[in-house]
C-alpha atoms as a PDB file:
ATOM      1  CA  MET A   1     -39.444 -22.513  40.388  1.00  0.00           C
ATOM      2  CA  ILE A   2     -39.540 -24.083  37.435  1.00  0.00           C
ATOM      3  CA  ASP A   3     -41.554 -22.074  34.427  1.00  0.00           C
ATOM      4  CA  LEU A   4     -44.850 -23.825  32.214  1.00  0.00           C
ATOM      5  CA  ALA A   5     -44.885 -20.552  30.500  1.00  0.00           C
ATOM      6  CA  THR A   6     -42.323 -21.527  27.841  1.00  0.00           C
ATOM      7  CA  PRO A   7     -44.196 -24.574  26.674  1.00  0.00           C
ATOM      8  CA  LEU A   8     -47.307 -23.369  26.841  1.00  0.00           C
ATOM      9  CA  ALA A   9     -46.455 -20.601  25.087  1.00  0.00           C
ATOM     10  CA  GLY A  10     -45.271 -23.153  22.285  1.00  0.00           C
ATOM     11  CA  MET A  11     -48.582 -24.779  22.520  1.00  0.00           C
ATOM     12  CA  GLN A  12     -50.705 -21.242  22.305  1.00  0.00           C
ATOM     13  CA  LYS A  13     -48.400 -21.060  19.291  1.00  0.00           C
ATOM     14  CA  VAL A  14     -49.072 -24.547  18.016  1.00  0.00           C
ATOM     15  CA  GLU A  15     -52.717 -23.492  17.985  1.00  0.00           C
ATOM     16  CA  ALA A  16     -52.751 -20.600  15.997  1.00  0.00           C
ATOM     17  CA  SER A  17     -50.987 -22.445  13.291  1.00  0.00           C
ATOM     18  CA  LEU A  18     -53.014 -24.813  13.484  1.00  0.00           C
ATOM     19  CA  ASN A  19     -56.192 -22.235  13.077  1.00  0.00           C
ATOM     20  CA  ARG A  20     -54.195 -20.841  10.439  1.00  0.00           C
ATOM     21  CA  THR A  21     -54.302 -24.035   8.709  1.00  0.00           C
ATOM     22  CA  ALA A  22     -57.577 -25.121   9.330  1.00  0.00           C
ATOM     23  CA  ALA A  23     -59.014 -21.223   7.925  1.00  0.00           C
ATOM     24  CA  ARG A  24     -56.447 -22.134   4.548  1.00  0.00           C
ATOM     25  CA  LEU A  25     -58.130 -25.382   3.904  1.00  0.00           C
ATOM     26  CA  ALA A  26     -61.551 -24.826   4.348  1.00  0.00           C
ATOM     27  CA  THR A  27     -61.472 -21.396   1.235  1.00  0.00           C
ATOM     28  CA  ALA A  28     -59.909 -24.960  -0.503  1.00  0.00           C
ATOM     29  CA  VAL A  29     -63.929 -25.951  -1.285  1.00  0.00           C
ATOM     30  CA  ASP A  30     -64.175 -22.598  -3.238  1.00  0.00           C
ATOM     31  CA  PRO A  31     -63.961 -22.528  -6.654  1.00  0.00           C
ATOM     32  CA  ALA A  32     -63.274 -18.170  -6.556  1.00  0.00           C
ATOM     33  CA  ALA A  33     -60.513 -19.351  -3.713  1.00  0.00           C
ATOM     34  CA  ASP A  34     -56.906 -19.350  -4.939  1.00  0.00           C
ATOM     35  CA  ALA A  35     -56.143 -22.695  -5.305  1.00  0.00           C
ATOM     36  CA  VAL A  36     -54.890 -24.447  -1.663  1.00  0.00           C
ATOM     37  CA  ASP A  37     -51.550 -26.732  -1.333  1.00  0.00           C
ATOM     38  CA  LEU A  38     -53.225 -29.818   0.502  1.00  0.00           C
ATOM     39  CA  SER A  39     -49.965 -31.415   0.925  1.00  0.00           C
ATOM     40  CA  THR A  40     -47.966 -28.276   1.594  1.00  0.00           C
ATOM     41  CA  GLU A  41     -51.141 -28.080   4.857  1.00  0.00           C
ATOM     42  CA  ALA A  42     -50.841 -31.629   5.796  1.00  0.00           C
ATOM     43  CA  VAL A  43     -46.799 -30.746   6.300  1.00  0.00           C
ATOM     44  CA  ALA A  44     -48.026 -28.394   8.085  1.00  0.00           C
ATOM     45  CA  MET A  45     -50.573 -30.146  10.276  1.00  0.00           C
ATOM     46  CA  LEU A  46     -47.816 -33.204  10.996  1.00  0.00           C
ATOM     47  CA  SER A  47     -45.506 -30.210  12.446  1.00  0.00           C
ATOM     48  CA  ALA A  48     -48.176 -28.664  14.257  1.00  0.00           C
ATOM     49  CA  LYS A  49     -48.893 -32.571  16.075  1.00  0.00           C
ATOM     50  CA  THR A  50     -44.881 -32.894  16.368  1.00  0.00           C
ATOM     51  CA  ALA A  51     -44.124 -29.491  18.012  1.00  0.00           C
ATOM     52  CA  PHE A  52     -47.120 -29.891  20.400  1.00  0.00           C
ATOM     53  CA  GLN A  53     -46.598 -33.271  21.140  1.00  0.00           C
ATOM     54  CA  ALA A  54     -42.733 -31.942  22.585  1.00  0.00           C
ATOM     55  CA  ASN A  55     -44.520 -28.858  24.233  1.00  0.00           C
ATOM     56  CA  ALA A  56     -46.261 -31.336  26.367  1.00  0.00           C
ATOM     57  CA  ASN A  57     -43.947 -33.447  26.922  1.00  0.00           C
ATOM     58  CA  VAL A  58     -41.823 -30.377  28.382  1.00  0.00           C
ATOM     59  CA  LEU A  59     -44.677 -29.378  30.093  1.00  0.00           C
ATOM     60  CA  ARG A  60     -44.953 -32.880  31.542  1.00  0.00           C
ATOM     61  CA  THR A  61     -41.767 -33.411  32.594  1.00  0.00           C
ATOM     62  CA  GLU A  62     -41.596 -30.009  34.481  1.00  0.00           C
ATOM     63  CA  VAL A  63     -44.430 -30.969  36.047  1.00  0.00           C
ATOM     64  CA  GLU A  64     -43.297 -34.505  37.200  1.00  0.00           C
ATOM     65  CA  LEU A  65     -39.529 -32.819  37.923  1.00  0.00           C
ATOM     66  CA  SER A  66     -41.650 -30.239  40.254  1.00  0.00           C
ATOM     67  CA  ARG A  67     -42.964 -32.524  42.220  1.00  0.00           C
ATOM     68  CA  ASN A  68     -40.268 -35.026  43.324  1.00  0.00           C
ATOM     69  CA  LEU A  69     -38.891 -31.763  44.436  1.00  0.00           C
ATOM     70  CA  ILE A  70     -42.258 -30.828  46.169  1.00  0.00           C
ATOM     71  CA  ASP A  71     -41.802 -34.649  47.871  1.00  0.00           C
ATOM     72  CA  MET A  72     -38.095 -34.284  48.289  1.00  0.00           C
ATOM     73  CA  LEU A  73     -38.741 -31.322  49.983  1.00  0.00           C
ATOM     74  CA  GLY A  74     -41.699 -32.422  52.136  1.00  0.00           C
END
């Protein structure tokens, strides 16, 4: 059987990364907070987007393969 846990775990990891980035960006408006490097945060967000898309594609492919297998067997 196809394991959907791997891409789902990857998506959860990306979600956590985006939440951390959002929290850092939220502190950027606070002058008392340490300076936030916006370019670093933008790169982190783009990397997270790419990782999420890759995991979504893996998940989509696994679901499609499962459907095809079920169709062949049934």
